[in-house]
Structures are given as C-alpha cells and as structure tokens.
Amino acid sequence: MKIRTEHFRLWEYLIFTAVTVIVFCLCVCIGSVNLPMSDIFDVLKSALMGLPKPEVVASSILLPVRLPRVLCVALT
C-alpha cells in the first residue's frame, strides 16, 4: 500500500498568494470613501520612508483606520 502525502504545488501557492494580495488591495480601496490606489501607494511610501504625509484624504483614513482593520482580518 502506497502512502500519498498531501501537499500543494508551487503554482497553487502562487495563485493563492496573488488572490490574497488582490483581495487585500480591494479591501483597502473600497469602503464608505473610495480611495484610489495611487493615493494609497503615496501614503504607504511616505509612511515607510519617514516622509511627511501627503495632503490627501487617504492619509487620514488609511493608516489609522483601514490598514489596521484589513491586517487584523487578514491575520485572522
């Protein structure tokens, strides 16, 4: 009797990762106030590099509200 181990193939991991990243981006963008991806990238870039926050609506919504919420749900 041959024992077969269960495992995922590399392409299955890549598909799962791509779908997870796409859903994560959609969850950050869509809400009561729709945020464009360009504003989200600007805010994240300035936060990671220590630059001053850009003067867009996304800077007051993204970091204190949406990003922690989406990260918490993603980790759950």
N, C-alpha and C. Protein backbone atom coordinates (compact mmCIF):
# COMPACT_ATOMS: atom_id res chain seq x y z
N MET A 1 0.85 -1.18 0.00
CA MET A 1 0.00 0.00 0.00
C MET A 1 0.89 1.24 0.00
N LYS A 2 0.67 2.11 -0.97
CA LYS A 2 1.49 3.30 -1.11
C LYS A 2 0.85 4.47 -0.36
N ILE A 3 1.64 5.13 0.48
CA ILE A 3 1.15 6.28 1.24
C ILE A 3 1.41 7.54 0.42
N ARG A 4 0.36 8.28 0.18
CA ARG A 4 0.48 9.50 -0.59
C ARG A 4 0.42 10.70 0.35
N THR A 5 1.42 11.56 0.28
CA THR A 5 1.42 12.75 1.12
C THR A 5 0.65 13.86 0.42
N GLU A 6 -0.05 14.63 1.20
CA GLU A 6 -0.83 15.75 0.68
C GLU A 6 0.02 17.01 0.74
N HIS A 7 0.14 17.69 -0.36
CA HIS A 7 0.86 18.95 -0.41
C HIS A 7 0.40 19.75 -1.61
N PHE A 8 0.67 21.04 -1.56
CA PHE A 8 0.32 21.92 -2.67
C PHE A 8 1.50 22.05 -3.61
N ARG A 9 1.19 22.28 -4.85
CA ARG A 9 2.23 22.53 -5.85
C ARG A 9 2.59 24.01 -5.83
N LEU A 10 3.71 24.35 -6.44
CA LEU A 10 4.19 25.73 -6.43
C LEU A 10 3.18 26.67 -7.08
N TRP A 11 2.60 26.27 -8.20
CA TRP A 11 1.66 27.15 -8.89
C TRP A 11 0.41 27.38 -8.05
N GLU A 12 0.03 26.44 -7.21
CA GLU A 12 -1.13 26.64 -6.32
C GLU A 12 -0.81 27.67 -5.24
N TYR A 13 0.42 27.64 -4.72
CA TYR A 13 0.83 28.66 -3.76
C TYR A 13 0.86 30.04 -4.41
N LEU A 14 1.35 30.12 -5.64
CA LEU A 14 1.41 31.40 -6.33
C LEU A 14 0.02 31.96 -6.61
N ILE A 15 -0.91 31.12 -7.02
CA ILE A 15 -2.28 31.57 -7.25
C ILE A 15 -2.92 32.05 -5.95
N PHE A 16 -2.74 31.31 -4.87
CA PHE A 16 -3.29 31.71 -3.58
C PHE A 16 -2.70 33.04 -3.12
N THR A 17 -1.41 33.22 -3.30
CA THR A 17 -0.77 34.47 -2.90
C THR A 17 -1.28 35.64 -3.74
N ALA A 18 -1.42 35.45 -5.04
CA ALA A 18 -1.92 36.51 -5.91
C ALA A 18 -3.36 36.90 -5.54
N VAL A 19 -4.20 35.93 -5.31
CA VAL A 19 -5.58 36.21 -4.93
C VAL A 19 -5.64 36.93 -3.59
N THR A 20 -4.79 36.54 -2.65
CA THR A 20 -4.77 37.19 -1.34
C THR A 20 -4.34 38.65 -1.46
N VAL A 21 -3.33 38.93 -2.26
CA VAL A 21 -2.87 40.31 -2.45
C VAL A 21 -3.93 41.15 -3.14
N ILE A 22 -4.61 40.60 -4.13
CA ILE A 22 -5.66 41.34 -4.83
C ILE A 22 -6.82 41.65 -3.91
N VAL A 23 -7.24 40.69 -3.12
CA VAL A 23 -8.34 40.92 -2.18
C VAL A 23 -7.93 41.92 -1.11
N PHE A 24 -6.70 41.85 -0.64
CA PHE A 24 -6.19 42.80 0.34
C PHE A 24 -6.25 44.22 -0.22
N CYS A 25 -5.80 44.41 -1.45
CA CYS A 25 -5.84 45.73 -2.08
C CYS A 25 -7.27 46.23 -2.26
N LEU A 26 -8.16 45.35 -2.67
CA LEU A 26 -9.55 45.75 -2.82
C LEU A 26 -10.18 46.15 -1.49
N CYS A 27 -9.85 45.43 -0.44
CA CYS A 27 -10.41 45.75 0.88
C CYS A 27 -9.90 47.10 1.38
N VAL A 28 -8.69 47.44 1.06
CA VAL A 28 -8.15 48.74 1.48
C VAL A 28 -8.77 49.86 0.65
N CYS A 29 -9.04 49.62 -0.62
CA CYS A 29 -9.56 50.67 -1.51
C CYS A 29 -11.05 50.93 -1.32
N ILE A 30 -11.82 49.88 -1.13
CA ILE A 30 -13.26 50.02 -1.13
C ILE A 30 -13.78 50.21 0.29
N GLY A 31 -14.64 51.18 0.46
CA GLY A 31 -15.25 51.47 1.75
C GLY A 31 -16.26 52.58 1.58
N SER A 32 -16.61 53.24 2.67
CA SER A 32 -17.56 54.34 2.56
C SER A 32 -16.97 55.49 1.75
N VAL A 33 -15.65 55.62 1.79
CA VAL A 33 -14.93 56.56 0.93
C VAL A 33 -13.98 55.74 0.07
N ASN A 34 -14.20 55.76 -1.24
CA ASN A 34 -13.32 55.01 -2.14
C ASN A 34 -11.99 55.73 -2.28
N LEU A 35 -10.91 54.98 -2.08
CA LEU A 35 -9.57 55.54 -2.18
C LEU A 35 -8.88 54.99 -3.42
N PRO A 36 -8.33 55.86 -4.26
CA PRO A 36 -7.60 55.37 -5.43
C PRO A 36 -6.27 54.73 -5.02
N MET A 37 -5.84 53.74 -5.80
CA MET A 37 -4.60 53.04 -5.49
C MET A 37 -3.39 53.97 -5.50
N SER A 38 -3.40 54.99 -6.35
CA SER A 38 -2.26 55.91 -6.39
C SER A 38 -2.10 56.65 -5.07
N ASP A 39 -3.22 57.08 -4.47
CA ASP A 39 -3.15 57.74 -3.17
C ASP A 39 -2.68 56.77 -2.08
N ILE A 40 -3.12 55.54 -2.15
CA ILE A 40 -2.71 54.54 -1.15
C ILE A 40 -1.21 54.29 -1.24
N PHE A 41 -0.68 54.15 -2.47
CA PHE A 41 0.75 53.95 -2.62
C PHE A 41 1.55 55.16 -2.14
N ASP A 42 1.05 56.37 -2.39
CA ASP A 42 1.73 57.57 -1.92
C ASP A 42 1.79 57.63 -0.40
N VAL A 43 0.68 57.32 0.25
CA VAL A 43 0.63 57.36 1.71
C VAL A 43 1.53 56.29 2.31
N LEU A 44 1.48 55.07 1.77
CA LEU A 44 2.32 53.99 2.29
C LEU A 44 3.80 54.28 2.07
N LYS A 45 4.15 54.83 0.90
CA LYS A 45 5.54 55.16 0.61
C LYS A 45 6.06 56.22 1.58
N SER A 46 5.26 57.25 1.82
CA SER A 46 5.70 58.30 2.73
C SER A 46 5.78 57.80 4.17
N ALA A 47 4.89 56.90 4.56
CA ALA A 47 4.94 56.36 5.92
C ALA A 47 6.15 55.44 6.11
N LEU A 48 6.47 54.63 5.12
CA LEU A 48 7.59 53.71 5.25
C LEU A 48 8.94 54.41 5.15
N MET A 49 9.01 55.48 4.39
CA MET A 49 10.27 56.18 4.22
C MET A 49 10.45 57.33 5.20
N GLY A 50 9.46 57.60 6.03
CA GLY A 50 9.56 58.66 7.02
C GLY A 50 9.38 60.06 6.46
N LEU A 51 8.76 60.16 5.31
CA LEU A 51 8.49 61.45 4.70
C LEU A 51 7.22 62.05 5.30
N PRO A 52 7.02 63.37 5.14
CA PRO A 52 5.76 63.95 5.63
C PRO A 52 4.56 63.38 4.87
N LYS A 53 3.43 63.33 5.56
CA LYS A 53 2.22 62.77 4.96
C LYS A 53 1.75 63.65 3.80
N PRO A 54 1.33 63.03 2.70
CA PRO A 54 0.78 63.82 1.60
C PRO A 54 -0.59 64.39 1.99
N GLU A 55 -0.94 65.49 1.39
CA GLU A 55 -2.21 66.16 1.70
C GLU A 55 -3.34 65.57 0.88
N VAL A 56 -3.70 64.34 1.18
CA VAL A 56 -4.83 63.68 0.52
C VAL A 56 -5.73 63.10 1.59
N VAL A 57 -6.96 62.83 1.21
CA VAL A 57 -7.92 62.26 2.15
C VAL A 57 -7.46 60.88 2.64
N ALA A 58 -6.75 60.16 1.79
CA ALA A 58 -6.31 58.80 2.12
C ALA A 58 -5.39 58.78 3.33
N SER A 59 -4.63 59.85 3.56
CA SER A 59 -3.69 59.84 4.68
C SER A 59 -4.39 59.83 6.02
N SER A 60 -5.58 60.41 6.11
CA SER A 60 -6.30 60.40 7.39
C SER A 60 -7.19 59.17 7.55
N ILE A 61 -7.41 58.43 6.49
CA ILE A 61 -8.27 57.25 6.56
C ILE A 61 -7.46 55.97 6.57
N LEU A 62 -6.41 55.91 5.77
CA LEU A 62 -5.70 54.66 5.52
C LEU A 62 -4.96 54.13 6.74
N LEU A 63 -4.03 54.91 7.27
CA LEU A 63 -3.17 54.40 8.34
C LEU A 63 -3.89 54.19 9.68
N PRO A 64 -4.73 55.11 10.13
CA PRO A 64 -5.35 54.87 11.43
C PRO A 64 -6.58 53.95 11.41
N VAL A 65 -7.23 53.79 10.24
CA VAL A 65 -8.50 53.05 10.22
C VAL A 65 -8.43 51.79 9.36
N ARG A 66 -8.25 51.96 8.07
CA ARG A 66 -8.42 50.83 7.15
C ARG A 66 -7.30 49.80 7.21
N LEU A 67 -6.07 50.24 7.21
CA LEU A 67 -4.96 49.29 7.18
C LEU A 67 -4.93 48.39 8.41
N PRO A 68 -5.10 48.92 9.63
CA PRO A 68 -5.15 48.00 10.78
C PRO A 68 -6.33 47.03 10.73
N ARG A 69 -7.47 47.51 10.25
CA ARG A 69 -8.65 46.65 10.16
C ARG A 69 -8.42 45.51 9.17
N VAL A 70 -7.89 45.84 8.00
CA VAL A 70 -7.67 44.82 6.98
C VAL A 70 -6.57 43.85 7.40
N LEU A 71 -5.52 44.35 8.01
CA LEU A 71 -4.45 43.46 8.51
C LEU A 71 -4.97 42.51 9.57
N CYS A 72 -5.81 43.01 10.47
CA CYS A 72 -6.38 42.16 11.52
C CYS A 72 -7.24 41.05 10.91
N VAL A 73 -8.05 41.40 9.96
CA VAL A 73 -8.90 40.40 9.29
C VAL A 73 -8.05 39.41 8.51
N ALA A 74 -7.00 39.89 7.84
CA ALA A 74 -6.15 39.00 7.07
C ALA A 74 -5.41 38.01 7.98
N LEU A 75 -4.98 38.47 9.14
CA LEU A 75 -4.29 37.59 10.06
C LEU A 75 -5.24 36.60 10.73
N THR A 76 -6.48 36.99 10.86
CA THR A 76 -7.47 36.07 11.46
C THR A 76 -7.79 34.97 10.52
